[in-house]
């Protein structure tokens, strides 16, 4: 009898429309998210995502909050084409440094948003400000940052974006004030904690940076960007053991976080543990084969080990990806100088000088070499 009851229950569930099942999973996801159970909420949203656009939207927003911007983008694209979805899609693309697509999504979000939908409009305007800031068009960037703040005076994101623009323009103290305003409006704002901590690092005020970032981590215990900045602050302070611990936490949260591998490599390089450093740089290359920094750092490591051939090959790979990299041409020139190959030394200094490298131009001037085409 008990078996028959179970069979009836299974048959009843199978006969339910997919939309009903999806609505149930969506409701469970919303309930879990409200209780702060974000991993459970993600599971429920995924269950509902095949047939429910609201579940896709909520899943995209949740993943954005977890700083999984690639995944978030994919779900936001699959969600409805509402202004809300587009505004968050634009923000994710800005995080991924895909500025053209971020601009397009922002402009579309502003176009579709109702005039009284101030939060959505402010978010999209803030992303536009970041786009123009990346283009070094600071006049337009500041215009859109102020528009974002005017659209929603209580938006911490708008204040944070304003701080980013001001800092990029060289207005450091005003930027600090903007980040502090953002934290007054929303003490949980990850980006404001990150940016403020980064500024303190740049000012060599590492204790203040660590304090700021620690406060952010109290609010967001799984924030990859905060853990990375935390590790960077300890690294600059000279506390390598804590830096390693923080960077390893980053990689536990996101095994593809390239900068963490590079910074771990830097620590091992400074310790003259060159094999361990090279291993970290190779991992960075595995996850980001089109980014040049790890190739340069790996080349430097091979150079320190006395392996001239491997060092040159890594530097050349960096140049293949970015032919405008004057610094790397200089490093190659220095290697050829030590190998007593003056023609190759001169050729690389000339290339670097044409790209505006100051060190290379000084070398050319000193040696009477004309570098202009």
Protein backbone atom coordinates (compact mmCIF):
# COMPACT_ATOMS: atom_id res chain seq x y z
CA UNK A 1 0.00 0.00 0.00
CA UNK A 2 2.84 2.35 0.90
CA UNK A 3 4.53 1.65 -2.44
CA UNK A 4 1.28 2.48 -4.28
CA UNK A 5 1.04 5.82 -2.46
CA UNK A 6 4.58 6.73 -3.46
CA UNK A 7 3.88 5.80 -7.06
CA UNK A 8 0.78 7.99 -7.07
CA UNK A 9 2.80 10.91 -5.71
CA UNK A 10 5.46 10.46 -8.40
CA UNK A 11 2.85 10.21 -11.14
CA UNK A 12 1.10 13.33 -9.84
CA UNK A 13 4.37 15.28 -9.87
CA UNK A 14 5.17 14.13 -13.39
CA UNK A 15 1.75 15.28 -14.56
CA UNK A 16 2.25 18.81 -13.22
CA UNK A 17 2.93 21.40 -15.91
CA UNK A 18 6.57 22.44 -16.17
CA UNK A 19 5.57 26.03 -15.51
CA UNK A 20 4.02 25.03 -12.18
CA UNK A 21 7.18 23.21 -11.12
CA UNK A 22 9.27 26.19 -12.18
CA UNK A 23 7.09 28.59 -10.20
CA UNK A 24 7.55 26.40 -7.14
CA UNK A 25 11.33 26.38 -7.51
CA UNK A 26 11.32 30.13 -8.13
CA UNK A 27 9.33 30.75 -4.95
CA UNK A 28 11.71 28.54 -2.97
CA UNK A 29 14.64 30.42 -4.45
CA UNK A 30 13.23 33.80 -3.46
CA UNK A 31 12.56 32.53 0.05
CA UNK A 32 16.10 31.13 0.36
CA UNK A 33 17.63 34.35 -0.91
CA UNK A 34 15.64 36.43 1.58
CA UNK A 35 17.10 34.26 4.35
CA UNK A 36 20.62 34.83 3.02
CA UNK A 37 20.98 31.25 1.74
CA UNK A 38 22.37 32.33 -1.62
CA UNK A 39 23.85 28.96 -2.63
CA UNK A 40 20.50 27.26 -2.04
CA UNK A 41 18.73 30.08 -3.88
CA UNK A 42 21.06 29.60 -6.85
CA UNK A 43 20.16 25.91 -6.93
CA UNK A 44 16.41 26.64 -6.99
CA UNK A 45 16.74 29.36 -9.64
CA UNK A 46 18.69 26.98 -11.86
CA UNK A 47 15.92 24.39 -11.49
CA UNK A 48 13.39 26.94 -12.69
CA UNK A 49 15.55 28.60 -15.35
CA UNK A 50 14.62 26.37 -18.31
CA UNK A 51 11.06 27.67 -18.50
CA UNK A 52 10.95 30.78 -16.31
CA UNK A 53 12.49 34.11 -17.40
CA UNK A 54 12.11 35.60 -13.92
CA UNK A 55 14.26 32.78 -12.55
CA UNK A 56 16.92 33.58 -15.16
CA UNK A 57 16.86 37.23 -14.19
CA UNK A 58 17.10 36.49 -10.46
CA UNK A 59 19.87 33.97 -11.12
CA UNK A 60 21.80 36.59 -13.11
CA UNK A 61 21.41 39.16 -10.35
CA UNK A 62 22.45 36.65 -7.70
CA UNK A 63 25.56 35.61 -9.64
CA UNK A 64 26.47 39.26 -10.17
CA UNK A 65 26.34 39.72 -6.41
CA UNK A 66 28.66 36.72 -6.04
CA UNK A 67 31.11 38.44 -8.44
CA UNK A 68 30.71 35.67 -11.01
CA UNK A 69 30.29 38.15 -13.82
CA UNK A 70 30.79 35.78 -16.76
CA UNK A 71 28.05 33.45 -15.50
CA UNK A 72 25.82 36.37 -14.57
CA UNK A 73 26.11 37.83 -18.05
CA UNK A 74 25.00 34.58 -19.67
CA UNK A 75 21.83 34.39 -17.58
CA UNK A 76 20.99 38.06 -17.94
CA UNK A 77 21.21 37.68 -21.72
CA UNK A 78 18.73 34.79 -21.47
CA UNK A 79 16.38 36.76 -19.20
CA UNK A 80 13.76 39.22 -20.38
CA UNK A 81 14.89 42.32 -22.25
CA UNK A 82 13.71 44.63 -19.49
CA UNK A 83 15.55 47.79 -18.47
CA UNK A 84 16.49 46.11 -15.18
CA UNK A 85 18.11 43.14 -16.91
CA UNK A 86 19.95 45.41 -19.34
CA UNK A 87 21.24 47.71 -16.60
CA UNK A 88 22.72 44.76 -14.72
CA UNK A 89 24.03 43.23 -17.95
CA UNK A 90 25.84 46.51 -18.63
CA UNK A 91 27.35 46.48 -15.13
CA UNK A 92 28.63 42.91 -15.59
CA UNK A 93 30.17 43.77 -18.94
CA UNK A 94 31.88 46.77 -17.39
CA UNK A 95 33.36 44.48 -14.72
CA UNK A 96 34.62 42.28 -17.55
CA UNK A 97 36.13 45.36 -19.28
CA UNK A 98 33.96 44.86 -22.35
CA UNK A 99 33.32 48.53 -22.73
CA UNK A 100 31.60 48.70 -26.11
CA UNK A 101 29.00 46.12 -25.12
CA UNK A 102 28.59 47.75 -21.71
CA UNK A 103 27.86 51.08 -23.38
CA UNK A 104 25.28 49.55 -25.71
CA UNK A 105 23.44 47.79 -22.88
CA UNK A 106 23.51 50.94 -20.72
CA UNK A 107 22.07 53.15 -23.43
CA UNK A 108 19.33 50.61 -24.16
CA UNK A 109 18.48 50.35 -20.46
CA UNK A 110 18.12 54.15 -20.18
CA UNK A 111 15.95 54.17 -23.29
CA UNK A 112 13.61 51.46 -21.97
CA UNK A 113 13.44 52.52 -18.32
CA UNK A 114 10.41 54.47 -17.12
CA UNK A 115 11.16 57.99 -15.98
CA UNK A 116 10.25 57.07 -12.40
CA UNK A 117 12.49 53.96 -12.43
CA UNK A 118 15.29 55.94 -10.83
CA UNK A 119 17.37 53.02 -9.56
CA UNK A 120 17.65 51.36 -12.96
CA UNK A 121 18.37 54.62 -14.76
CA UNK A 122 21.00 55.58 -12.18
CA UNK A 123 22.72 52.21 -12.49
CA UNK A 124 22.88 52.43 -16.29
CA UNK A 125 24.15 56.02 -16.14
CA UNK A 126 26.83 54.95 -13.69
CA UNK A 127 28.02 52.27 -16.09
CA UNK A 128 28.17 54.84 -18.89
CA UNK A 129 30.39 56.93 -16.64
CA UNK A 130 32.74 53.96 -16.20
CA UNK A 131 32.81 53.39 -19.96
CA UNK A 132 33.85 56.98 -20.66
CA UNK A 133 36.35 56.83 -17.81
CA UNK A 134 37.96 53.76 -19.42
CA UNK A 135 38.19 55.77 -22.65
CA UNK A 136 39.85 58.62 -20.65
CA UNK A 137 36.99 60.90 -21.69
CA UNK A 138 36.71 62.35 -18.20
CA UNK A 139 34.36 65.20 -19.14
CA UNK A 140 31.66 62.78 -20.28
CA UNK A 141 32.51 60.37 -17.48
CA UNK A 142 31.97 63.01 -14.81
CA UNK A 143 28.76 64.18 -16.53
CA UNK A 144 27.22 60.71 -16.40
CA UNK A 145 28.45 60.07 -12.85
CA UNK A 146 26.70 63.25 -11.70
CA UNK A 147 23.60 62.31 -13.70
CA UNK A 148 23.57 58.94 -11.93
CA UNK A 149 23.78 60.61 -8.51
CA UNK A 150 21.07 63.13 -9.41
CA UNK A 151 18.79 60.37 -10.70
CA UNK A 152 19.08 58.48 -7.40
CA UNK A 153 20.57 60.56 -4.56
CA UNK A 154 20.59 57.49 -2.28
CA UNK A 155 22.58 55.33 -4.71
CA UNK A 156 25.87 54.17 -3.19
CA UNK A 157 26.90 52.89 -6.61
CA UNK A 158 26.55 56.36 -8.12
CA UNK A 159 28.80 57.82 -5.40
CA UNK A 160 31.32 55.01 -5.92
CA UNK A 161 31.40 55.59 -9.68
CA UNK A 162 31.90 59.31 -9.07
CA UNK A 163 34.89 58.41 -6.90
CA UNK A 164 36.36 56.23 -9.65
CA UNK A 165 36.09 59.06 -12.17
CA UNK A 166 37.53 61.65 -9.78
CA UNK A 167 40.46 59.40 -8.91
CA UNK A 168 41.16 58.73 -12.59
CA UNK A 169 41.22 62.50 -13.16
CA UNK A 170 43.77 62.92 -10.40
CA UNK A 171 41.35 64.31 -7.78
CA UNK A 172 42.40 61.84 -5.11
CA UNK A 173 41.01 63.58 -2.01
CA UNK A 174 37.65 64.20 -3.66
CA UNK A 175 37.59 60.54 -4.70
CA UNK A 176 38.17 59.44 -1.10
CA UNK A 177 35.26 61.63 0.00
CA UNK A 178 33.02 60.08 -2.67
CA UNK A 179 33.91 56.53 -1.58
CA UNK A 180 33.20 57.44 2.04
CA UNK A 181 29.84 58.90 1.02
CA UNK A 182 29.07 55.64 -0.76
CA UNK A 183 29.79 53.69 2.43
CA UNK A 184 27.59 56.00 4.48
CA UNK A 185 24.73 55.30 2.08
CA UNK A 186 25.48 51.58 2.01
CA UNK A 187 28.07 50.15 4.44
CA UNK A 188 27.95 46.86 2.50
CA UNK A 189 29.06 48.34 -0.84
CA UNK A 190 31.89 46.06 -2.00
CA UNK A 191 33.32 48.39 -4.62
CA UNK A 192 33.59 51.36 -2.28
CA UNK A 193 35.49 49.26 0.28
CA UNK A 194 37.72 47.94 -2.51
CA UNK A 195 38.44 51.34 -4.05
CA UNK A 196 39.05 53.07 -0.73
CA UNK A 197 41.37 50.28 0.37
CA UNK A 198 43.23 50.48 -2.94
CA UNK A 199 43.77 54.23 -2.59
CA UNK A 200 45.19 53.76 0.91
CA UNK A 201 47.56 51.14 -0.53
CA UNK A 202 48.71 53.60 -3.18
CA UNK A 203 49.31 56.13 -0.40
CA UNK A 204 51.44 53.55 1.44
CA UNK A 205 48.94 53.68 4.31
CA UNK A 206 48.71 49.91 4.55
CA UNK A 207 47.18 49.73 8.03
CA UNK A 208 44.27 51.93 6.93
CA UNK A 209 43.91 49.87 3.76
CA UNK A 210 43.81 46.62 5.72
CA UNK A 211 41.27 48.04 8.18
CA UNK A 212 39.02 49.24 5.34
CA UNK A 213 39.20 45.96 3.47
CA UNK A 214 38.65 43.92 6.64
CA UNK A 215 35.45 45.87 7.27
CA UNK A 216 34.34 45.04 3.76
CA UNK A 217 35.07 41.35 4.26
CA UNK A 218 32.93 41.31 7.38
CA UNK A 219 30.03 42.20 5.10
CA UNK A 220 31.10 39.99 2.17
CA UNK A 221 33.03 36.97 3.39
CA UNK A 222 33.30 35.50 -0.10
CA UNK A 223 34.25 38.60 -2.06
CA UNK A 224 37.06 37.71 -4.43
CA UNK A 225 38.01 41.32 -5.16
CA UNK A 226 38.18 42.23 -1.46
CA UNK A 227 40.31 39.19 -0.61
CA UNK A 228 42.62 40.04 -3.52
CA UNK A 229 43.00 43.66 -2.39
CA UNK A 230 43.53 42.41 1.18
CA UNK A 231 46.35 40.18 -0.03
CA UNK A 232 47.82 42.99 -2.10
CA UNK A 233 47.84 45.29 0.95
CA UNK A 234 49.68 42.69 3.04
CA UNK A 235 52.10 42.10 0.15
CA UNK A 236 52.94 45.80 -0.06
CA UNK A 237 53.28 45.96 3.71
CA UNK A 238 55.84 43.15 3.55
CA UNK A 239 53.74 40.53 5.36
CA UNK A 240 54.14 37.82 2.75
CA UNK A 241 52.67 35.00 4.81
CA UNK A 242 49.36 36.79 5.27
CA UNK A 243 49.44 37.86 1.65
CA UNK A 244 49.81 34.23 0.56
CA UNK A 245 46.93 33.22 2.83
CA UNK A 246 44.66 35.89 1.31
CA UNK A 247 45.63 35.04 -2.26
CA UNK A 248 45.00 31.36 -1.63
CA UNK A 249 41.55 32.32 -0.32
CA UNK A 250 40.98 34.13 -3.60
CA UNK A 251 41.83 31.02 -5.59
CA UNK A 252 39.60 28.85 -3.42
CA UNK A 253 36.74 31.16 -4.33
CA UNK A 254 37.74 31.57 -7.98
CA UNK A 255 40.38 29.23 -9.38
CA UNK A 256 40.62 31.33 -12.56
CA UNK A 257 41.49 34.63 -10.85
CA UNK A 258 44.63 35.42 -12.85
CA UNK A 259 45.94 38.32 -10.77
CA UNK A 260 46.15 36.11 -7.68
CA UNK A 261 48.47 33.69 -9.50
CA UNK A 262 50.64 36.58 -10.66
CA UNK A 263 50.92 38.04 -7.16
CA UNK A 264 51.75 34.64 -5.65
CA UNK A 265 54.39 34.31 -8.34
CA UNK A 266 55.80 37.71 -7.36
CA UNK A 267 56.14 36.61 -3.74
CA UNK A 268 58.00 33.44 -4.68
CA UNK A 269 60.15 35.40 -7.16
CA UNK A 270 61.25 37.82 -4.42
CA UNK A 271 62.16 34.81 -2.29
CA UNK A 272 64.25 33.47 -5.20
CA UNK A 273 61.95 30.43 -5.32
CA UNK A 274 61.95 30.62 -9.09
CA UNK A 275 60.41 27.25 -9.87
CA UNK A 276 57.41 28.00 -7.66
CA UNK A 277 57.12 31.48 -9.17
CA UNK A 278 57.19 30.07 -12.70
CA UNK A 279 54.48 27.56 -11.78
CA UNK A 280 52.15 30.38 -10.68
CA UNK A 281 52.79 32.42 -13.83
CA UNK A 282 52.11 29.38 -16.00
CA UNK A 283 48.79 28.89 -14.24
CA UNK A 284 47.91 32.51 -14.96
CA UNK A 285 48.72 31.95 -18.64
CA UNK A 286 46.56 28.82 -18.68
CA UNK A 287 43.51 30.84 -17.60
CA UNK A 288 44.32 34.01 -19.57
CA UNK A 289 46.48 33.17 -22.59
CA UNK A 290 45.84 36.58 -24.20
CA UNK A 291 47.01 38.71 -21.27
CA UNK A 292 50.64 39.76 -21.45
CA UNK A 293 51.61 40.34 -17.80
CA UNK A 294 52.20 36.69 -16.91
CA UNK A 295 54.39 36.18 -20.01
CA UNK A 296 56.56 39.13 -18.97
CA UNK A 297 56.80 37.87 -15.40
CA UNK A 298 57.60 34.35 -16.54
CA UNK A 299 60.29 35.76 -18.83
CA UNK A 300 61.76 37.66 -15.90
CA UNK A 301 61.82 34.45 -13.85
CA UNK A 302 63.62 32.48 -16.55
CA UNK A 303 66.09 35.35 -16.83
CA UNK A 304 66.77 35.15 -13.09
CA UNK A 305 67.44 31.42 -13.53
CA UNK A 306 69.90 32.19 -16.30
CA UNK A 307 67.81 30.60 -19.04
CA UNK A 308 68.23 33.22 -21.75
CA UNK A 309 66.37 31.30 -24.48
CA UNK A 310 63.22 30.68 -22.44
CA UNK A 311 63.22 34.26 -21.21
CA UNK A 312 63.36 35.65 -24.75
CA UNK A 313 60.57 33.33 -25.91
CA UNK A 314 58.22 34.49 -23.15
CA UNK A 315 58.95 38.16 -23.86
CA UNK A 316 58.34 37.57 -27.54
CA UNK A 317 54.99 35.93 -26.78
CA UNK A 318 54.01 39.06 -24.85
CA UNK A 319 54.91 41.21 -27.86
CA UNK A 320 52.99 38.95 -30.25
CA UNK A 321 49.87 39.68 -28.20
CA UNK A 322 50.64 43.37 -27.74
CA UNK A 323 53.08 44.77 -30.35
CA UNK A 324 52.83 48.20 -28.66
CA UNK A 325 54.52 46.97 -25.48
CA UNK A 326 57.63 49.15 -25.35
CA UNK A 327 58.66 47.96 -21.87
CA UNK A 328 59.01 44.38 -23.07
CA UNK A 329 61.15 45.45 -26.05
CA UNK A 330 63.43 47.11 -23.49
CA UNK A 331 63.70 43.90 -21.48
CA UNK A 332 64.61 41.99 -24.62
CA UNK A 333 67.23 44.62 -25.47
CA UNK A 334 68.77 44.24 -22.00
CA UNK A 335 68.96 40.48 -22.44
CA UNK A 336 70.71 40.84 -25.80
CA UNK A 337 73.12 43.35 -24.25
CA UNK A 338 74.13 40.78 -21.64
CA UNK A 339 74.56 38.20 -24.41
CA UNK A 340 76.84 40.60 -26.29
CA UNK A 341 74.54 40.85 -29.31
CA UNK A 342 74.70 44.61 -30.03
CA UNK A 343 72.70 44.59 -33.27
CA UNK A 344 69.72 42.89 -31.66
CA UNK A 345 70.11 45.05 -28.58
CA UNK A 346 69.95 48.20 -30.71
CA UNK A 347 67.02 46.96 -32.82
CA UNK A 348 64.88 46.35 -29.75
CA UNK A 349 65.80 49.64 -28.10
CA UNK A 350 64.82 51.42 -31.33
CA UNK A 351 61.43 49.66 -31.40
CA UNK A 352 60.83 50.59 -27.76
CA UNK A 353 61.87 54.19 -28.40
CA UNK A 354 59.44 54.50 -31.33
CA UNK A 355 56.69 53.41 -28.93
CA UNK A 356 57.60 56.22 -26.54
CA UNK A 357 59.59 54.30 -23.95
CA UNK A 358 61.67 56.85 -22.02
CA UNK A 359 64.44 54.44 -21.06
CA UNK A 360 64.87 53.35 -24.69
CA UNK A 361 64.95 56.93 -25.96
CA UNK A 362 67.62 57.82 -23.42
CA UNK A 363 69.67 54.81 -24.57
CA UNK A 364 69.32 55.85 -28.22
CA UNK A 365 70.32 59.43 -27.44
CA UNK A 366 73.34 58.29 -25.43
CA UNK A 367 74.51 55.98 -28.23
CA UNK A 368 73.72 58.36 -31.11
CA UNK A 369 71.05 56.07 -32.55
CA UNK A 370 68.21 57.55 -34.58
CA UNK A 371 64.97 55.79 -33.73
CA UNK A 372 62.41 57.76 -35.74
CA UNK A 373 61.13 56.03 -38.88
